[in-house]
């Protein structure tokens, strides 16, 4: 019986460790990408809740005030843009447009004190406020998951595995340009 050299066992052990690391890294990337997908689904769910709620709000406002047609058109167009968006990037952009139109709607409402006094309007506003809070939490959670995923995808040497198997960085949900400015409505 011949004695095998120690270097052969060492090479086999190193090869086994590399294979285990490759499997672990790949599976970690898959898990992280699925976390991003799940977090994005939560964002979409909250936006869908908002988009379902806002037409009721608009109807209530239209019934109680001489409503600006331009604002209504912008809210409707922004909702349609969200529904027709195909990619995650397009949905993020559509959400920004909707937020801007919704802000203009709410500023417009301030000019109608009798509207603010109706129970239906107050109930809708309470639901909308809750929805906005849920959206904020879902977006924050999504951004945290995307950050963790992007760190995995961009860190060496895992970036080599990510590139080999088609794992690319994901986009975060940033504030819409100009969202730091309050909307202005002139009557």
C-alpha atoms as a PDB file:
ATOM      1  CA  UNK A   1       0.000   0.000   0.000  1.00  0.00           C
ATOM      2  CA  UNK A   2       1.379   3.373  -0.989  1.00  0.00           C
ATOM      3  CA  UNK A   3       1.249   6.327   1.268  1.00  0.00           C
ATOM      4  CA  UNK A   4      -0.499   9.359  -0.195  1.00  0.00           C
ATOM      5  CA  UNK A   5       1.237  12.682   0.242  1.00  0.00           C
ATOM      6  CA  UNK A   6      -0.132  15.157   2.771  1.00  0.00           C
ATOM      7  CA  UNK A   7      -0.381  17.863   0.133  1.00  0.00           C
ATOM      8  CA  UNK A   8      -2.994  15.789  -1.728  1.00  0.00           C
ATOM      9  CA  UNK A   9      -5.222  15.699   1.357  1.00  0.00           C
ATOM     10  CA  UNK A  10      -4.646  19.384   1.921  1.00  0.00           C
ATOM     11  CA  UNK A  11      -5.540  20.166  -1.694  1.00  0.00           C
ATOM     12  CA  UNK A  12      -8.715  18.061  -1.445  1.00  0.00           C
ATOM     13  CA  UNK A  13      -9.658  19.789   1.819  1.00  0.00           C
ATOM     14  CA  UNK A  14      -9.096  23.223   0.278  1.00  0.00           C
ATOM     15  CA  UNK A  15     -11.101  22.250  -2.823  1.00  0.00           C
ATOM     16  CA  UNK A  16     -13.941  20.984  -0.606  1.00  0.00           C
ATOM     17  CA  UNK A  17     -13.920  24.228   1.374  1.00  0.00           C
ATOM     18  CA  UNK A  18     -14.046  26.278  -1.835  1.00  0.00           C
ATOM     19  CA  UNK A  19     -16.972  24.234  -3.157  1.00  0.00           C
ATOM     20  CA  UNK A  20     -18.820  24.601   0.162  1.00  0.00           C
ATOM     21  CA  UNK A  21     -18.127  28.336   0.145  1.00  0.00           C
ATOM     22  CA  UNK A  22     -19.370  28.625  -3.461  1.00  0.00           C
ATOM     23  CA  UNK A  23     -22.611  26.821  -2.621  1.00  0.00           C
ATOM     24  CA  UNK A  24     -23.088  28.909   0.506  1.00  0.00           C
ATOM     25  CA  UNK A  25     -22.405  32.148  -1.337  1.00  0.00           C
ATOM     26  CA  UNK A  26     -24.762  31.293  -4.177  1.00  0.00           C
ATOM     27  CA  UNK A  27     -27.521  30.242  -1.801  1.00  0.00           C
ATOM     28  CA  UNK A  28     -26.958  33.405   0.250  1.00  0.00           C
ATOM     29  CA  UNK A  29     -27.365  35.514  -2.889  1.00  0.00           C
ATOM     30  CA  UNK A  30     -30.555  33.661  -3.817  1.00  0.00           C
ATOM     31  CA  UNK A  31     -31.934  34.197  -0.307  1.00  0.00           C
ATOM     32  CA  UNK A  32     -31.025  37.886  -0.381  1.00  0.00           C
ATOM     33  CA  UNK A  33     -32.625  38.377  -3.806  1.00  0.00           C
ATOM     34  CA  UNK A  34     -35.805  36.676  -2.598  1.00  0.00           C
ATOM     35  CA  UNK A  35     -35.829  38.989   0.420  1.00  0.00           C
ATOM     36  CA  UNK A  36     -35.682  41.945  -1.990  1.00  0.00           C
ATOM     37  CA  UNK A  37     -38.577  40.503  -4.005  1.00  0.00           C
ATOM     38  CA  UNK A  38     -40.632  39.940  -0.856  1.00  0.00           C
ATOM     39  CA  UNK A  39     -39.931  43.447   0.448  1.00  0.00           C
ATOM     40  CA  UNK A  40     -40.877  44.907  -2.939  1.00  0.00           C
ATOM     41  CA  UNK A  41     -44.148  42.964  -2.826  1.00  0.00           C
ATOM     42  CA  UNK A  42     -44.914  44.646   0.491  1.00  0.00           C
ATOM     43  CA  UNK A  43     -44.249  48.056  -1.056  1.00  0.00           C
ATOM     44  CA  UNK A  44     -46.541  47.228  -3.977  1.00  0.00           C
ATOM     45  CA  UNK A  45     -49.259  45.999  -1.620  1.00  0.00           C
ATOM     46  CA  UNK A  46     -49.245  49.256   0.305  1.00  0.00           C
ATOM     47  CA  UNK A  47     -49.256  51.327  -2.879  1.00  0.00           C
ATOM     48  CA  UNK A  48     -52.151  49.278  -4.230  1.00  0.00           C
ATOM     49  CA  UNK A  49     -54.033  49.985  -1.000  1.00  0.00           C
ATOM     50  CA  UNK A  50     -53.379  53.686  -1.525  1.00  0.00           C
ATOM     51  CA  UNK A  51     -54.440  53.544  -5.177  1.00  0.00           C
ATOM     52  CA  UNK A  52     -57.658  51.793  -4.190  1.00  0.00           C
ATOM     53  CA  UNK A  53     -58.357  54.356  -1.469  1.00  0.00           C
ATOM     54  CA  UNK A  54     -57.619  57.556  -3.375  1.00  0.00           C
ATOM     55  CA  UNK A  55     -60.499  57.297  -5.908  1.00  0.00           C
ATOM     56  CA  UNK A  56     -62.891  57.218  -2.932  1.00  0.00           C
ATOM     57  CA  UNK A  57     -61.177  60.281  -1.526  1.00  0.00           C
ATOM     58  CA  UNK A  58     -61.374  62.056  -4.872  1.00  0.00           C
ATOM     59  CA  UNK A  59     -65.081  61.202  -5.195  1.00  0.00           C
ATOM     60  CA  UNK A  60     -65.755  62.577  -1.735  1.00  0.00           C
ATOM     61  CA  UNK A  61     -63.843  65.750  -2.518  1.00  0.00           C
ATOM     62  CA  UNK A  62     -65.602  66.177  -5.881  1.00  0.00           C
ATOM     63  CA  UNK A  63     -68.974  65.781  -4.226  1.00  0.00           C
ATOM     64  CA  UNK A  64     -68.290  68.484  -1.646  1.00  0.00           C
ATOM     65  CA  UNK A  65     -66.237  71.037  -3.550  1.00  0.00           C
ATOM     66  CA  UNK A  66     -65.841  72.603  -6.924  1.00  0.00           C
ATOM     67  CA  UNK A  67     -62.801  70.496  -7.553  1.00  0.00           C
ATOM     68  CA  UNK A  68     -59.905  71.497  -9.768  1.00  0.00           C
ATOM     69  CA  UNK A  69     -60.066  69.354 -12.884  1.00  0.00           C
ATOM     70  CA  UNK A  70     -56.310  69.547 -13.407  1.00  0.00           C
ATOM     71  CA  UNK A  71     -55.591  68.033  -9.989  1.00  0.00           C
ATOM     72  CA  UNK A  72     -58.108  65.242 -10.577  1.00  0.00           C
ATOM     73  CA  UNK A  73     -56.543  64.531 -13.978  1.00  0.00           C
ATOM     74  CA  UNK A  74     -53.058  64.368 -12.465  1.00  0.00           C
ATOM     75  CA  UNK A  75     -54.161  61.964  -9.714  1.00  0.00           C
ATOM     76  CA  UNK A  76     -55.926  59.743 -12.239  1.00  0.00           C
ATOM     77  CA  UNK A  77     -52.994  59.833 -14.680  1.00  0.00           C
ATOM     78  CA  UNK A  78     -50.499  59.012 -11.930  1.00  0.00           C
ATOM     79  CA  UNK A  79     -52.610  56.059 -10.786  1.00  0.00           C
ATOM     80  CA  UNK A  80     -52.836  54.796 -14.369  1.00  0.00           C
ATOM     81  CA  UNK A  81     -49.074  55.180 -14.812  1.00  0.00           C
ATOM     82  CA  UNK A  82     -48.507  52.983 -11.730  1.00  0.00           C
ATOM     83  CA  UNK A  83     -50.925  50.322 -12.992  1.00  0.00           C
ATOM     84  CA  UNK A  84     -49.250  50.200 -16.410  1.00  0.00           C
ATOM     85  CA  UNK A  85     -45.649  50.294 -15.187  1.00  0.00           C
ATOM     86  CA  UNK A  86     -43.811  47.131 -16.071  1.00  0.00           C
ATOM     87  CA  UNK A  87     -40.492  47.374 -14.296  1.00  0.00           C
ATOM     88  CA  UNK A  88     -39.603  48.136 -10.716  1.00  0.00           C
ATOM     89  CA  UNK A  89     -37.881  51.356 -11.847  1.00  0.00           C
ATOM     90  CA  UNK A  90     -41.039  52.506 -13.681  1.00  0.00           C
ATOM     91  CA  UNK A  91     -43.142  51.767 -10.600  1.00  0.00           C
ATOM     92  CA  UNK A  92     -40.798  53.779  -8.405  1.00  0.00           C
ATOM     93  CA  UNK A  93     -41.059  56.732 -10.810  1.00  0.00           C
ATOM     94  CA  UNK A  94     -44.848  56.379 -11.018  1.00  0.00           C
ATOM     95  CA  UNK A  95     -45.087  56.361  -7.228  1.00  0.00           C
ATOM     96  CA  UNK A  96     -43.206  59.658  -7.122  1.00  0.00           C
ATOM     97  CA  UNK A  97     -45.612  61.207  -9.613  1.00  0.00           C
ATOM     98  CA  UNK A  98     -48.582  59.941  -7.658  1.00  0.00           C
ATOM     99  CA  UNK A  99     -47.207  61.325  -4.398  1.00  0.00           C
ATOM    100  CA  UNK A 100     -46.843  64.727  -6.001  1.00  0.00           C
ATOM    101  CA  UNK A 101     -50.408  64.669  -7.380  1.00  0.00           C
ATOM    102  CA  UNK A 102     -51.769  63.429  -4.054  1.00  0.00           C
ATOM    103  CA  UNK A 103     -49.996  66.235  -2.208  1.00  0.00           C
ATOM    104  CA  UNK A 104     -51.613  68.779  -4.558  1.00  0.00           C
ATOM    105  CA  UNK A 105     -55.005  67.152  -3.923  1.00  0.00           C
ATOM    106  CA  UNK A 106     -54.573  67.450  -0.181  1.00  0.00           C
ATOM    107  CA  UNK A 107     -53.453  71.074  -0.421  1.00  0.00           C
ATOM    108  CA  UNK A 108     -56.504  71.801  -2.563  1.00  0.00           C
ATOM    109  CA  UNK A 109     -58.758  70.246   0.064  1.00  0.00           C
ATOM    110  CA  UNK A 110     -57.541  72.724   2.691  1.00  0.00           C
ATOM    111  CA  UNK A 111     -59.507  75.460   0.903  1.00  0.00           C
ATOM    112  CA  UNK A 112     -62.811  73.694   1.655  1.00  0.00           C
ATOM    113  CA  UNK A 113     -63.568  73.740   5.411  1.00  0.00           C
ATOM    114  CA  UNK A 114     -67.050  72.243   4.923  1.00  0.00           C
ATOM    115  CA  UNK A 115     -65.397  69.227   3.269  1.00  0.00           C
ATOM    116  CA  UNK A 116     -63.021  68.715   6.163  1.00  0.00           C
ATOM    117  CA  UNK A 117     -66.010  68.579   8.526  1.00  0.00           C
ATOM    118  CA  UNK A 118     -67.731  65.615   6.817  1.00  0.00           C
ATOM    119  CA  UNK A 119     -67.360  62.244   8.527  1.00  0.00           C
ATOM    120  CA  UNK A 120     -66.695  60.373   5.267  1.00  0.00           C
ATOM    121  CA  UNK A 121     -63.824  62.702   4.440  1.00  0.00           C
ATOM    122  CA  UNK A 122     -62.325  62.390   7.926  1.00  0.00           C
ATOM    123  CA  UNK A 123     -62.573  58.601   7.745  1.00  0.00           C
ATOM    124  CA  UNK A 124     -60.880  58.540   4.345  1.00  0.00           C
ATOM    125  CA  UNK A 125     -58.140  60.883   5.572  1.00  0.00           C
ATOM    126  CA  UNK A 126     -57.523  58.630   8.582  1.00  0.00           C
ATOM    127  CA  UNK A 127     -57.254  55.616   6.289  1.00  0.00           C
ATOM    128  CA  UNK A 128     -54.984  57.534   3.942  1.00  0.00           C
ATOM    129  CA  UNK A 129     -52.740  58.603   6.807  1.00  0.00           C
ATOM    130  CA  UNK A 130     -52.474  54.989   7.966  1.00  0.00           C
ATOM    131  CA  UNK A 131     -51.715  53.904   4.419  1.00  0.00           C
ATOM    132  CA  UNK A 132     -49.001  56.545   4.070  1.00  0.00           C
ATOM    133  CA  UNK A 133     -47.416  55.283   7.288  1.00  0.00           C
ATOM    134  CA  UNK A 134     -47.535  51.704   5.987  1.00  0.00           C
ATOM    135  CA  UNK A 135     -45.966  52.799   2.717  1.00  0.00           C
ATOM    136  CA  UNK A 136     -43.213  54.575   4.607  1.00  0.00           C
ATOM    137  CA  UNK A 137     -42.458  51.469   6.665  1.00  0.00           C
ATOM    138  CA  UNK A 138     -42.594  49.182   3.605  1.00  0.00           C
ATOM    139  CA  UNK A 139     -40.250  51.487   1.663  1.00  0.00           C
ATOM    140  CA  UNK A 140     -37.826  51.670   4.580  1.00  0.00           C
ATOM    141  CA  UNK A 141     -37.850  47.869   4.950  1.00  0.00           C
ATOM    142  CA  UNK A 142     -37.374  47.456   1.200  1.00  0.00           C
ATOM    143  CA  UNK A 143     -34.415  49.852   1.178  1.00  0.00           C
ATOM    144  CA  UNK A 144     -32.795  48.004   4.091  1.00  0.00           C
ATOM    145  CA  UNK A 145     -33.140  44.648   2.321  1.00  0.00           C
ATOM    146  CA  UNK A 146     -31.831  46.143  -0.934  1.00  0.00           C
ATOM    147  CA  UNK A 147     -28.859  47.657   0.912  1.00  0.00           C
ATOM    148  CA  UNK A 148     -27.973  44.264   2.427  1.00  0.00           C
ATOM    149  CA  UNK A 149     -28.402  42.531  -0.943  1.00  0.00           C
ATOM    150  CA  UNK A 150     -26.302  45.134  -2.778  1.00  0.00           C
ATOM    151  CA  UNK A 151     -23.519  44.749  -0.205  1.00  0.00           C
ATOM    152  CA  UNK A 152     -23.500  41.003  -0.882  1.00  0.00           C
ATOM    153  CA  UNK A 153     -23.516  41.500  -4.659  1.00  0.00           C
ATOM    154  CA  UNK A 154     -20.775  44.142  -4.663  1.00  0.00           C
ATOM    155  CA  UNK A 155     -18.407  42.717  -2.020  1.00  0.00           C
ATOM    156  CA  UNK A 156     -15.303  40.850  -3.096  1.00  0.00           C
ATOM    157  CA  UNK A 157     -15.025  37.897  -3.735  1.00  0.00           C
ATOM    158  CA  UNK A 158     -18.775  37.250  -3.716  1.00  0.00           C
ATOM    159  CA  UNK A 159     -19.134  39.811  -6.524  1.00  0.00           C
ATOM    160  CA  UNK A 160     -17.406  37.297  -8.802  1.00  0.00           C
ATOM    161  CA  UNK A 161     -20.039  34.678  -8.035  1.00  0.00           C
ATOM    162  CA  UNK A 162     -22.808  37.266  -8.348  1.00  0.00           C
ATOM    163  CA  UNK A 163     -21.564  38.357 -11.780  1.00  0.00           C
ATOM    164  CA  UNK A 164     -21.169  34.754 -12.928  1.00  0.00           C
ATOM    165  CA  UNK A 165     -24.745  33.830 -12.001  1.00  0.00           C
ATOM    166  CA  UNK A 166     -26.437  37.096 -13.032  1.00  0.00           C
ATOM    167  CA  UNK A 167     -27.037  38.709  -9.640  1.00  0.00           C
ATOM    168  CA  UNK A 168     -26.967  42.463 -10.186  1.00  0.00           C
ATOM    169  CA  UNK A 169     -27.520  45.315  -7.771  1.00  0.00           C
ATOM    170  CA  UNK A 170     -31.096  46.445  -7.096  1.00  0.00           C
ATOM    171  CA  UNK A 171     -32.365  50.025  -7.038  1.00  0.00           C
ATOM    172  CA  UNK A 172     -33.389  51.619  -3.798  1.00  0.00           C
ATOM    173  CA  UNK A 173     -36.623  53.533  -3.413  1.00  0.00           C
ATOM    174  CA  UNK A 174     -35.455  57.136  -3.184  1.00  0.00           C
ATOM    175  CA  UNK A 175     -37.585  60.186  -2.597  1.00  0.00           C
ATOM    176  CA  UNK A 176     -38.987  61.716  -5.755  1.00  0.00           C
ATOM    177  CA  UNK A 177     -37.105  64.764  -7.027  1.00  0.00           C
ATOM    178  CA  UNK A 178     -38.648  67.901  -5.580  1.00  0.00           C
ATOM    179  CA  UNK A 179     -40.408  66.050  -2.746  1.00  0.00           C
ATOM    180  CA  UNK A 180     -38.577  68.206  -0.252  1.00  0.00           C
ATOM    181  CA  UNK A 181     -40.695  71.161  -1.452  1.00  0.00           C
ATOM    182  CA  UNK A 182     -44.313  71.577  -0.387  1.00  0.00           C
ATOM    183  CA  UNK A 183     -46.768  71.692  -3.300  1.00  0.00           C
ATOM    184  CA  UNK A 184     -48.286  75.083  -4.112  1.00  0.00           C
ATOM    185  CA  UNK A 185     -51.879  75.540  -5.118  1.00  0.00           C
ATOM    186  CA  UNK A 186     -53.218  78.863  -6.308  1.00  0.00           C
ATOM    187  CA  UNK A 187     -56.907  79.694  -6.451  1.00  0.00           C
END
